[in-house]
Amino acid sequence: MRGQRDDGQPNPDAELLDQLQSMEGKVRKMRENRNSQREQGKAVAQKRNAVQEQYREHKKKLDLMKAELDAIHAERNLHKAKRDTIQAQLRELIGQAKGRRNEKG
């Protein structure tokens, strides 16, 4: 029988053998736990990388849209400046025309 000598006396190494087997079981569980956590970490890292890639793609699109808007705003400002110049010239011409009417009248 395991753990006993042939003469029926308990084997002194039996207790050590039980402790060793218990510790091996604990080490096995810890190793399985470590591997499980490693796999979970890899999965989380893949999700994180996918989210970061989506962020980069969206940021590129937004940057392109912003560049387009900036170009549109610059063009708008040019048109406003031209309009303001034309309006100033019109005011000046109208003022000159009123001045001539007042001189004749």
PDB file of N, CA and C in Angstrom:
ATOM      1  N   MET A   1       0.832  -1.178   0.000  1.00  0.00           N
ATOM      2  CA  MET A   1       0.000   0.000   0.000  1.00  0.00           C
ATOM      3  C   MET A   1       0.876   1.240   0.000  1.00  0.00           C
ATOM      4  N   ARG A   2       0.418   2.249  -0.673  1.00  0.00           N
ATOM      5  CA  ARG A   2       1.221   3.451  -0.814  1.00  0.00           C
ATOM      6  C   ARG A   2       1.254   4.215   0.499  1.00  0.00           C
ATOM      7  N   GLY A   3       2.429   4.762   0.857  1.00  0.00           N
ATOM      8  CA  GLY A   3       2.559   5.547   2.067  1.00  0.00           C
ATOM      9  C   GLY A   3       2.833   4.711   3.301  1.00  0.00           C
ATOM     10  N   GLN A   4       2.921   3.420   3.144  1.00  0.00           N
ATOM     11  CA  GLN A   4       3.231   2.558   4.289  1.00  0.00           C
ATOM     12  C   GLN A   4       4.324   1.574   3.893  1.00  0.00           C
ATOM     13  N   ARG A   5       5.130   1.224   4.883  1.00  0.00           N
ATOM     14  CA  ARG A   5       6.164   0.220   4.634  1.00  0.00           C
ATOM     15  C   ARG A   5       5.525  -1.170   4.617  1.00  0.00           C
ATOM     16  N   ASP A   6       6.307  -2.101   4.246  1.00  0.00           N
ATOM     17  CA  ASP A   6       5.808  -3.478   4.199  1.00  0.00           C
ATOM     18  C   ASP A   6       5.405  -3.991   5.581  1.00  0.00           C
ATOM     19  N   ASP A   7       6.023  -3.434   6.617  1.00  0.00           N
ATOM     20  CA  ASP A   7       5.733  -3.919   7.968  1.00  0.00           C
ATOM     21  C   ASP A   7       4.545  -3.199   8.609  1.00  0.00           C
ATOM     22  N   GLY A   8       3.835  -2.314   7.831  1.00  0.00           N
ATOM     23  CA  GLY A   8       2.666  -1.646   8.368  1.00  0.00           C
ATOM     24  C   GLY A   8       2.963  -0.319   9.034  1.00  0.00           C
ATOM     25  N   GLN A   9       4.185   0.084   9.110  1.00  0.00           N
ATOM     26  CA  GLN A   9       4.551   1.374   9.699  1.00  0.00           C
ATOM     27  C   GLN A   9       4.342   2.482   8.668  1.00  0.00           C
ATOM     28  N   PRO A  10       3.867   3.685   9.096  1.00  0.00           N
ATOM     29  CA  PRO A  10       3.690   4.789   8.137  1.00  0.00           C
ATOM     30  C   PRO A  10       5.044   5.233   7.580  1.00  0.00           C
ATOM     31  N   ASN A  11       5.044   5.520   6.305  1.00  0.00           N
ATOM     32  CA  ASN A  11       6.261   5.971   5.621  1.00  0.00           C
ATOM     33  C   ASN A  11       6.493   7.434   5.988  1.00  0.00           C
ATOM     34  N   PRO A  12       7.674   7.790   6.503  1.00  0.00           N
ATOM     35  CA  PRO A  12       7.913   9.185   6.881  1.00  0.00           C
ATOM     36  C   PRO A  12       7.919  10.123   5.674  1.00  0.00           C
ATOM     37  N   ASP A  13       8.174   9.587   4.500  1.00  0.00           N
ATOM     38  CA  ASP A  13       8.194  10.431   3.299  1.00  0.00           C
ATOM     39  C   ASP A  13       6.791  10.644   2.724  1.00  0.00           C
ATOM     40  N   ALA A  14       5.821   9.938   3.243  1.00  0.00           N
ATOM     41  CA  ALA A  14       4.454  10.048   2.720  1.00  0.00           C
ATOM     42  C   ALA A  14       3.913  11.459   2.893  1.00  0.00           C
ATOM     43  N   GLU A  15       4.190  12.051   4.041  1.00  0.00           N
ATOM     44  CA  GLU A  15       3.715  13.423   4.284  1.00  0.00           C
ATOM     45  C   GLU A  15       4.377  14.404   3.318  1.00  0.00           C
ATOM     46  N   LEU A  16       5.684  14.210   3.111  1.00  0.00           N
ATOM     47  CA  LEU A  16       6.400  15.075   2.162  1.00  0.00           C
ATOM     48  C   LEU A  16       5.868  14.877   0.746  1.00  0.00           C
ATOM     49  N   LEU A  17       5.567  13.646   0.399  1.00  0.00           N
ATOM     50  CA  LEU A  17       5.027  13.353  -0.925  1.00  0.00           C
ATOM     51  C   LEU A  17       3.670  14.026  -1.114  1.00  0.00           C
ATOM     52  N   ASP A  18       2.846  13.988  -0.090  1.00  0.00           N
ATOM     53  CA  ASP A  18       1.541  14.659  -0.159  1.00  0.00           C
ATOM     54  C   ASP A  18       1.707  16.169  -0.316  1.00  0.00           C
ATOM     55  N   GLN A  19       2.645  16.746   0.435  1.00  0.00           N
ATOM     56  CA  GLN A  19       2.902  18.191   0.321  1.00  0.00           C
ATOM     57  C   GLN A  19       3.391  18.537  -1.081  1.00  0.00           C
ATOM     58  N   LEU A  20       4.292  17.699  -1.604  1.00  0.00           N
ATOM     59  CA  LEU A  20       4.827  17.933  -2.948  1.00  0.00           C
ATOM     60  C   LEU A  20       3.704  17.892  -3.982  1.00  0.00           C
ATOM     61  N   GLN A  21       2.839  16.901  -3.883  1.00  0.00           N
ATOM     62  CA  GLN A  21       1.736  16.790  -4.835  1.00  0.00           C
ATOM     63  C   GLN A  21       0.779  17.973  -4.701  1.00  0.00           C
ATOM     64  N   SER A  22       0.547  18.400  -3.477  1.00  0.00           N
ATOM     65  CA  SER A  22      -0.316  19.555  -3.245  1.00  0.00           C
ATOM     66  C   SER A  22       0.294  20.809  -3.862  1.00  0.00           C
ATOM     67  N   MET A  23       1.594  20.996  -3.652  1.00  0.00           N
ATOM     68  CA  MET A  23       2.268  22.183  -4.204  1.00  0.00           C
ATOM     69  C   MET A  23       2.300  22.124  -5.729  1.00  0.00           C
ATOM     70  N   GLU A  24       2.511  20.932  -6.287  1.00  0.00           N
ATOM     71  CA  GLU A  24       2.493  20.797  -7.745  1.00  0.00           C
ATOM     72  C   GLU A  24       1.120  21.165  -8.295  1.00  0.00           C
ATOM     73  N   GLY A  25       0.074  20.770  -7.587  1.00  0.00           N
ATOM     74  CA  GLY A  25      -1.285  21.137  -8.000  1.00  0.00           C
ATOM     75  C   GLY A  25      -1.487  22.643  -7.966  1.00  0.00           C
ATOM     76  N   LYS A  26      -0.974  23.276  -6.906  1.00  0.00           N
ATOM     77  CA  LYS A  26      -1.089  24.735  -6.800  1.00  0.00           C
ATOM     78  C   LYS A  26      -0.319  25.425  -7.918  1.00  0.00           C
ATOM     79  N   VAL A  27       0.891  24.911  -8.194  1.00  0.00           N
ATOM     80  CA  VAL A  27       1.705  25.496  -9.273  1.00  0.00           C
ATOM     81  C   VAL A  27       0.984  25.343 -10.609  1.00  0.00           C
ATOM     82  N   ARG A  28       0.375  24.176 -10.832  1.00  0.00           N
ATOM     83  CA  ARG A  28      -0.362  23.937 -12.073  1.00  0.00           C
ATOM     84  C   ARG A  28      -1.515  24.937 -12.209  1.00  0.00           C
ATOM     85  N   LYS A  29      -2.264  25.137 -11.109  1.00  0.00           N
ATOM     86  CA  LYS A  29      -3.371  26.102 -11.128  1.00  0.00           C
ATOM     87  C   LYS A  29      -2.866  27.512 -11.386  1.00  0.00           C
ATOM     88  N   MET A  30      -1.743  27.861 -10.741  1.00  0.00           N
ATOM     89  CA  MET A  30      -1.181  29.203 -10.949  1.00  0.00           C
ATOM     90  C   MET A  30      -0.744  29.385 -12.396  1.00  0.00           C
ATOM     91  N   ARG A  31      -0.155  28.333 -12.986  1.00  0.00           N
ATOM     92  CA  ARG A  31       0.291  28.391 -14.376  1.00  0.00           C
ATOM     93  C   ARG A  31      -0.915  28.557 -15.304  1.00  0.00           C
ATOM     94  N   GLU A  32      -1.978  27.800 -15.031  1.00  0.00           N
ATOM     95  CA  GLU A  32      -3.199  27.914 -15.837  1.00  0.00           C
ATOM     96  C   GLU A  32      -3.799  29.309 -15.699  1.00  0.00           C
ATOM     97  N   ASN A  33      -3.800  29.829 -14.484  1.00  0.00           N
ATOM     98  CA  ASN A  33      -4.316  31.173 -14.230  1.00  0.00           C
ATOM     99  C   ASN A  33      -3.488  32.213 -14.990  1.00  0.00           C
ATOM    100  N   ARG A  34      -2.161  32.050 -14.938  1.00  0.00           N
ATOM    101  CA  ARG A  34      -1.278  32.978 -15.649  1.00  0.00           C
ATOM    102  C   ARG A  34      -1.553  32.938 -17.147  1.00  0.00           C
ATOM    103  N   ASN A  35      -1.657  31.732 -17.698  1.00  0.00           N
ATOM    104  CA  ASN A  35      -1.918  31.601 -19.132  1.00  0.00           C
ATOM    105  C   ASN A  35      -3.267  32.209 -19.506  1.00  0.00           C
ATOM    106  N   SER A  36      -4.253  31.999 -18.656  1.00  0.00           N
ATOM    107  CA  SER A  36      -5.579  32.571 -18.905  1.00  0.00           C
ATOM    108  C   SER A  36      -5.516  34.098 -18.899  1.00  0.00           C
ATOM    109  N   GLN A  37      -4.830  34.639 -17.914  1.00  0.00           N
ATOM    110  CA  GLN A  37      -4.707  36.100 -17.844  1.00  0.00           C
ATOM    111  C   GLN A  37      -3.920  36.645 -19.027  1.00  0.00           C
ATOM    112  N   ARG A  38      -2.913  35.908 -19.462  1.00  0.00           N
ATOM    113  CA  ARG A  38      -2.126  36.333 -20.623  1.00  0.00           C
ATOM    114  C   ARG A  38      -3.009  36.396 -21.864  1.00  0.00           C
ATOM    115  N   GLU A  39      -3.842  35.376 -22.045  1.00  0.00           N
ATOM    116  CA  GLU A  39      -4.754  35.354 -23.193  1.00  0.00           C
ATOM    117  C   GLU A  39      -5.762  36.499 -23.113  1.00  0.00           C
ATOM    118  N   GLN A  40      -6.278  36.747 -21.922  1.00  0.00           N
ATOM    119  CA  GLN A  40      -7.210  37.867 -21.749  1.00  0.00           C
ATOM    120  C   GLN A  40      -6.512  39.183 -22.060  1.00  0.00           C
ATOM    121  N   GLY A  41      -5.272  39.306 -21.629  1.00  0.00           N
ATOM    122  CA  GLY A  41      -4.504  40.518 -21.905  1.00  0.00           C
ATOM    123  C   GLY A  41      -4.298  40.724 -23.391  1.00  0.00           C
ATOM    124  N   LYS A  42      -4.014  39.634 -24.096  1.00  0.00           N
ATOM    125  CA  LYS A  42      -3.838  39.732 -25.551  1.00  0.00           C
ATOM    126  C   LYS A  42      -5.134  40.175 -26.224  1.00  0.00           C
ATOM    127  N   ALA A  43      -6.256  39.615 -25.771  1.00  0.00           N
ATOM    128  CA  ALA A  43      -7.554  39.982 -26.354  1.00  0.00           C
ATOM    129  C   ALA A  43      -7.856  41.454 -26.105  1.00  0.00           C
ATOM    130  N   VAL A  44      -7.594  41.917 -24.892  1.00  0.00           N
ATOM    131  CA  VAL A  44      -7.838  43.324 -24.559  1.00  0.00           C
ATOM    132  C   VAL A  44      -6.916  44.222 -25.379  1.00  0.00           C
ATOM    133  N   ALA A  45      -5.669  43.809 -25.557  1.00  0.00           N
ATOM    134  CA  ALA A  45      -4.727  44.608 -26.348  1.00  0.00           C
ATOM    135  C   ALA A  45      -5.189  44.693 -27.803  1.00  0.00           C
ATOM    136  N   GLN A  46      -5.715  43.602 -28.341  1.00  0.00           N
ATOM    137  CA  GLN A  46      -6.220  43.629 -29.716  1.00  0.00           C
ATOM    138  C   GLN A  46      -7.404  44.580 -29.842  1.00  0.00           C
ATOM    139  N   LYS A  47      -8.304  44.543 -28.858  1.00  0.00           N
ATOM    140  CA  LYS A  47      -9.439  45.469 -28.877  1.00  0.00           C
ATOM    141  C   LYS A  47      -8.949  46.910 -28.802  1.00  0.00           C
ATOM    142  N   ARG A  48      -7.990  47.163 -27.913  1.00  0.00           N
ATOM    143  CA  ARG A  48      -7.436  48.505 -27.773  1.00  0.00           C
ATOM    144  C   ARG A  48      -6.819  48.971 -29.089  1.00  0.00           C
ATOM    145  N   ASN A  49      -6.048  48.097 -29.730  1.00  0.00           N
ATOM    146  CA  ASN A  49      -5.414  48.458 -30.990  1.00  0.00           C
ATOM    147  C   ASN A  49      -6.454  48.738 -32.073  1.00  0.00           C
ATOM    148  N   ALA A  50      -7.541  47.967 -32.084  1.00  0.00           N
ATOM    149  CA  ALA A  50      -8.602  48.198 -33.067  1.00  0.00           C
ATOM    150  C   ALA A  50      -9.258  49.554 -32.830  1.00  0.00           C
ATOM    151  N   VAL A  51      -9.501  49.889 -31.576  1.00  0.00           N
ATOM    152  CA  VAL A  51     -10.109  51.187 -31.247  1.00  0.00           C
ATOM    153  C   VAL A  51      -9.166  52.319 -31.642  1.00  0.00           C
ATOM    154  N   GLN A  52      -7.881  52.152 -31.370  1.00  0.00           N
ATOM    155  CA  GLN A  52      -6.920  53.194 -31.731  1.00  0.00           C
ATOM    156  C   GLN A  52      -6.841  53.370 -33.243  1.00  0.00           C
ATOM    157  N   GLU A  53      -6.935  52.274 -33.989  1.00  0.00           N
ATOM    158  CA  GLU A  53      -6.912  52.359 -35.446  1.00  0.00           C
ATOM    159  C   GLU A  53      -8.155  53.095 -35.958  1.00  0.00           C
ATOM    160  N   GLN A  54      -9.309  52.794 -35.374  1.00  0.00           N
ATOM    161  CA  GLN A  54     -10.532  53.511 -35.746  1.00  0.00           C
ATOM    162  C   GLN A  54     -10.382  54.995 -35.444  1.00  0.00           C
ATOM    163  N   TYR A  55      -9.806  55.304 -34.295  1.00  0.00           N
ATOM    164  CA  TYR A  55      -9.600  56.705 -33.915  1.00  0.00           C
ATOM    165  C   TYR A  55      -8.736  57.400 -34.964  1.00  0.00           C
ATOM    166  N   ARG A  56      -7.647  56.730 -35.385  1.00  0.00           N
ATOM    167  CA  ARG A  56      -6.761  57.341 -36.387  1.00  0.00           C
ATOM    168  C   ARG A  56      -7.508  57.589 -37.699  1.00  0.00           C
ATOM    169  N   GLU A  57      -8.331  56.609 -38.114  1.00  0.00           N
ATOM    170  CA  GLU A  57      -9.089  56.773 -39.358  1.00  0.00           C
ATOM    171  C   GLU A  57     -10.070  57.938 -39.248  1.00  0.00           C
ATOM    172  N   HIS A  58     -10.790  58.012 -38.143  1.00  0.00           N
ATOM    173  CA  HIS A  58     -11.752  59.104 -37.956  1.00  0.00           C
ATOM    174  C   HIS A  58     -11.029  60.448 -37.888  1.00  0.00           C
ATOM    175  N   LYS A  59      -9.883  60.469 -37.240  1.00  0.00           N
ATOM    176  CA  LYS A  59      -9.130  61.719 -37.129  1.00  0.00           C
ATOM    177  C   LYS A  59      -8.667  62.187 -38.506  1.00  0.00           C
ATOM    178  N   LYS A  60      -8.236  61.248 -39.358  1.00  0.00           N
ATOM    179  CA  LYS A  60      -7.832  61.613 -40.721  1.00  0.00           C
ATOM    180  C   LYS A  60      -9.009  62.237 -41.470  1.00  0.00           C
ATOM    181  N   LYS A  61     -10.191  61.592 -41.355  1.00  0.00           N
ATOM    182  CA  LYS A  61     -11.376  62.125 -42.033  1.00  0.00           C
ATOM    183  C   LYS A  61     -11.711  63.523 -41.518  1.00  0.00           C
ATOM    184  N   LEU A  62     -11.665  63.681 -40.204  1.00  0.00           N
ATOM    185  CA  LEU A  62     -11.972  64.989 -39.621  1.00  0.00           C
ATOM    186  C   LEU A  62     -10.956  66.038 -40.052  1.00  0.00           C
ATOM    187  N   ASP A  63      -9.681  65.659 -40.119  1.00  0.00           N
ATOM    188  CA  ASP A  63      -8.656  66.606 -40.549  1.00  0.00           C
ATOM    189  C   ASP A  63      -8.884  67.036 -41.994  1.00  0.00           C
ATOM    190  N   LEU A  64      -9.289  66.076 -42.849  1.00  0.00           N
ATOM    191  CA  LEU A  64      -9.582  66.429 -44.243  1.00  0.00           C
ATOM    192  C   LEU A  64     -10.779  67.376 -44.321  1.00  0.00           C
ATOM    193  N   MET A  65     -11.826  67.068 -43.554  1.00  0.00           N
ATOM    194  CA  MET A  65     -13.005  67.938 -43.547  1.00  0.00           C
ATOM    195  C   MET A  65     -12.649  69.325 -43.030  1.00  0.00           C
ATOM    196  N   LYS A  66     -11.816  69.379 -42.012  1.00  0.00           N
ATOM    197  CA  LYS A  66     -11.414  70.668 -41.453  1.00  0.00           C
ATOM    198  C   LYS A  66     -10.611  71.461 -42.477  1.00  0.00           C
ATOM    199  N   ALA A  67      -9.746  70.789 -43.220  1.00  0.00           N
ATOM    200  CA  ALA A  67      -8.973  71.469 -44.250  1.00  0.00           C
ATOM    201  C   ALA A  67      -9.906  72.030 -45.329  1.00  0.00           C
ATOM    202  N   GLU A  68     -10.923  71.241 -45.712  1.00  0.00           N
ATOM    203  CA  GLU A  68     -11.899  71.720 -46.697  1.00  0.00           C
ATOM    204  C   GLU A  68     -12.648  72.937 -46.160  1.00  0.00           C
ATOM    205  N   LEU A  69     -13.077  72.858 -44.899  1.00  0.00           N
ATOM    206  CA  LEU A  69     -13.788  73.989 -44.299  1.00  0.00           C
ATOM    207  C   LEU A  69     -12.895  75.225 -44.223  1.00  0.00           C
ATOM    208  N   ASP A  70     -11.637  75.028 -43.884  1.00  0.00           N
ATOM    209  CA  ASP A  70     -10.719  76.165 -43.816  1.00  0.00           C
ATOM    210  C   ASP A  70     -10.576  76.822 -45.187  1.00  0.00           C
ATOM    211  N   ALA A  71     -10.512  75.999 -46.247  1.00  0.00           N
ATOM    212  CA  ALA A  71     -10.418  76.548 -47.600  1.00  0.00           C
ATOM    213  C   ALA A  71     -11.696  77.312 -47.953  1.00  0.00           C
ATOM    214  N   ILE A  72     -12.845  76.755 -47.595  1.00  0.00           N
ATOM    215  CA  ILE A  72     -14.127  77.424 -47.862  1.00  0.00           C
ATOM    216  C   ILE A  72     -14.199  78.743 -47.099  1.00  0.00           C
ATOM    217  N   HIS A  73     -13.772  78.738 -45.842  1.00  0.00           N
ATOM    218  CA  HIS A  73     -13.804  79.968 -45.041  1.00  0.00           C
ATOM    219  C   HIS A  73     -12.857  81.019 -45.606  1.00  0.00           C
ATOM    220  N   ALA A  74     -11.702  80.588 -46.081  1.00  0.00           N
ATOM    221  CA  ALA A  74     -10.763  81.538 -46.678  1.00  0.00           C
ATOM    222  C   ALA A  74     -11.375  82.165 -47.931  1.00  0.00           C
ATOM    223  N   GLU A  75     -12.029  81.342 -48.750  1.00  0.00           N
ATOM    224  CA  GLU A  75     -12.684  81.857 -49.956  1.00  0.00           C
ATOM    225  C   GLU A  75     -13.812  82.813 -49.586  1.00  0.00           C
ATOM    226  N   ARG A  76     -14.587  82.465 -48.560  1.00  0.00           N
ATOM    227  CA  ARG A  76     -15.659  83.336 -48.082  1.00  0.00           C
ATOM    228  C   ARG A  76     -15.102  84.682 -47.642  1.00  0.00           C
ATOM    229  N   ASN A  77     -13.997  84.649 -46.920  1.00  0.00           N
ATOM    230  CA  ASN A  77     -13.405  85.897 -46.441  1.00  0.00           C
ATOM    231  C   ASN A  77     -12.912  86.762 -47.596  1.00  0.00           C
ATOM    232  N   LEU A  78     -12.393  86.121 -48.661  1.00  0.00           N
ATOM    233  CA  LEU A  78     -11.983  86.888 -49.840  1.00  0.00           C
ATOM    234  C   LEU A  78     -13.189  87.572 -50.479  1.00  0.00           C
ATOM    235  N   HIS A  79     -14.285  86.821 -50.612  1.00  0.00           N
ATOM    236  CA  HIS A  79     -15.499  87.405 -51.193  1.00  0.00           C
ATOM    237  C   HIS A  79     -16.032  88.545 -50.326  1.00  0.00           C
ATOM    238  N   LYS A  80     -15.979  88.377 -49.013  1.00  0.00           N
ATOM    239  CA  LYS A  80     -16.421  89.452 -48.119  1.00  0.00           C
ATOM    240  C   LYS A  80     -15.566  90.695 -48.305  1.00  0.00           C
ATOM    241  N   ALA A  81     -14.262  90.490 -48.429  1.00  0.00           N
ATOM    242  CA  ALA A  81     -13.366  91.635 -48.612  1.00  0.00           C
ATOM    243  C   ALA A  81     -13.681  92.344 -49.928  1.00  0.00           C
ATOM    244  N   LYS A  82     -13.918  91.571 -50.993  1.00  0.00           N
ATOM    245  CA  LYS A  82     -14.274  92.176 -52.283  1.00  0.00           C
ATOM    246  C   LYS A  82     -15.593  92.932 -52.167  1.00  0.00           C
ATOM    247  N   ARG A  83     -16.578  92.307 -51.500  1.00  0.00           N
ATOM    248  CA  ARG A  83     -17.874  92.950 -51.308  1.00  0.00           C
ATOM    249  C   ARG A  83     -17.719  94.262 -50.556  1.00  0.00           C
ATOM    250  N   ASP A  84     -16.949  94.235 -49.478  1.00  0.00           N
ATOM    251  CA  ASP A  84     -16.751  95.445 -48.684  1.00  0.00           C
ATOM    252  C   ASP A  84     -16.082  96.542 -49.501  1.00  0.00           C
ATOM    253  N   THR A  85     -15.129  96.152 -50.348  1.00  0.00           N
ATOM    254  CA  THR A  85     -14.456  97.138 -51.204  1.00  0.00           C
ATOM    255  C   THR A  85     -15.447  97.753 -52.186  1.00  0.00           C
ATOM    256  N   ILE A  86     -16.268  96.900 -52.804  1.00  0.00           N
ATOM    257  CA  ILE A  86     -17.265  97.390 -53.762  1.00  0.00           C
ATOM    258  C   ILE A  86     -18.277  98.290 -53.065  1.00  0.00           C
ATOM    259  N   GLN A  87     -18.736  97.897 -51.868  1.00  0.00           N
ATOM    260  CA  GLN A  87     -19.694  98.721 -51.132  1.00  0.00           C
ATOM    261  C   GLN A  87     -19.087 100.067 -50.754  1.00  0.00           C
ATOM    262  N   ALA A  88     -17.826 100.073 -50.385  1.00  0.00           N
ATOM    263  CA  ALA A  88     -17.166 101.339 -50.044  1.00  0.00           C
ATOM    264  C   ALA A  88     -17.091 102.233 -51.276  1.00  0.00           C
ATOM    265  N   GLN A  89     -16.776 101.644 -52.425  1.00  0.00           N
ATOM    266  CA  GLN A  89     -16.723 102.428 -53.661  1.00  0.00           C
ATOM    267  C   GLN A  89     -18.104 102.976 -54.006  1.00  0.00           C
ATOM    268  N   LEU A  90     -19.151 102.140 -53.823  1.00  0.00           N
ATOM    269  CA  LEU A  90     -20.508 102.607 -54.093  1.00  0.00           C
ATOM    270  C   LEU A  90     -20.890 103.761 -53.172  1.00  0.00           C
ATOM    271  N   ARG A  91     -20.562 103.633 -51.885  1.00  0.00           N
ATOM    272  CA  ARG A  91     -20.868 104.724 -50.952  1.00  0.00           C
ATOM    273  C   ARG A  91     -20.158 106.009 -51.376  1.00  0.00           C
ATOM    274  N   GLU A  92     -18.935 105.845 -51.802  1.00  0.00           N
ATOM    275  CA  GLU A  92     -18.177 107.027 -52.223  1.00  0.00           C
ATOM    276  C   GLU A  92     -18.805 107.653 -53.466  1.00  0.00           C
ATOM    277  N   LEU A  93     -19.191 106.823 -54.433  1.00  0.00           N
ATOM    278  CA  LEU A  93     -19.826 107.348 -55.644  1.00  0.00           C
ATOM    279  C   LEU A  93     -21.169 107.998 -55.332  1.00  0.00           C
ATOM    280  N   ILE A  94     -21.963 107.365 -54.457  1.00  0.00           N
ATOM    281  CA  ILE A  94     -23.256 107.938 -54.074  1.00  0.00           C
ATOM    282  C   ILE A  94     -23.038 109.263 -53.358  1.00  0.00           C
ATOM    283  N   GLY A  95     -22.042 109.301 -52.507  1.00  0.00           N
ATOM    284  CA  GLY A  95     -21.731 110.556 -51.809  1.00  0.00           C
ATOM    285  C   GLY A  95     -21.319 111.644 -52.789  1.00  0.00           C
ATOM    286  N   GLN A  96     -20.534 111.292 -53.790  1.00  0.00           N
ATOM    287  CA  GLN A  96     -20.123 112.271 -54.795  1.00  0.00           C
ATOM    288  C   GLN A  96     -21.329 112.746 -55.600  1.00  0.00           C
ATOM    289  N   ALA A  97     -22.246 111.814 -55.947  1.00  0.00           N
ATOM    290  CA  ALA A  97     -23.433 112.184 -56.718  1.00  0.00           C
ATOM    291  C   ALA A  97     -24.321 113.107 -55.899  1.00  0.00           C
ATOM    292  N   LYS A  98     -24.486 112.843 -54.615  1.00  0.00           N
ATOM    293  CA  LYS A  98     -25.283 113.721 -53.762  1.00  0.00           C
ATOM    294  C   LYS A  98     -24.626 115.087 -53.655  1.00  0.00           C
ATOM    295  N   GLY A  99     -23.320 115.093 -53.579  1.00  0.00           N
ATOM    296  CA  GLY A  99     -22.606 116.361 -53.489  1.00  0.00           C
ATOM    297  C   GLY A  99     -22.805 117.196 -54.743  1.00  0.00           C
ATOM    298  N   ARG A 100     -22.842 116.589 -55.904  1.00  0.00           N
ATOM    299  CA  ARG A 100     -23.043 117.315 -57.149  1.00  0.00           C
ATOM    300  C   ARG A 100     -24.464 117.865 -57.213  1.00  0.00           C
ATOM    301  N   ARG A 101     -25.446 117.061 -56.733  1.00  0.00           N
ATOM    302  CA  ARG A 101     -26.823 117.540 -56.744  1.00  0.00           C
ATOM    303  C   ARG A 101     -26.958 118.759 -55.848  1.00  0.00           C
ATOM    304  N   ASN A 102     -26.304 118.707 -54.712  1.00  0.00           N
ATOM    305  CA  ASN A 102     -26.390 119.830 -53.780  1.00  0.00           C
ATOM    306  C   ASN A 102     -25.731 121.073 -54.367  1.00  0.00           C
ATOM    307  N   GLU A 103     -24.696 120.907 -55.181  1.00  0.00           N
ATOM    308  CA  GLU A 103     -24.025 122.055 -55.786  1.00  0.00           C
ATOM    309  C   GLU A 103     -24.910 122.697 -56.851  1.00  0.00           C
ATOM    310  N   LYS A 104     -25.672 121.878 -57.589  1.00  0.00           N
ATOM    311  CA  LYS A 104     -26.528 122.388 -58.650  1.00  0.00           C
ATOM    312  C   LYS A 104     -27.767 123.053 -58.078  1.00  0.00           C
ATOM    313  N   GLY A 105     -28.261 122.499 -57.017  1.00  0.00           N
ATOM    314  CA  GLY A 105     -29.527 122.910 -56.467  1.00  0.00           C
ATOM    315  C   GLY A 105     -29.450 124.110 -55.685  1.00  0.00           C
TER     316      GLY A 105
END
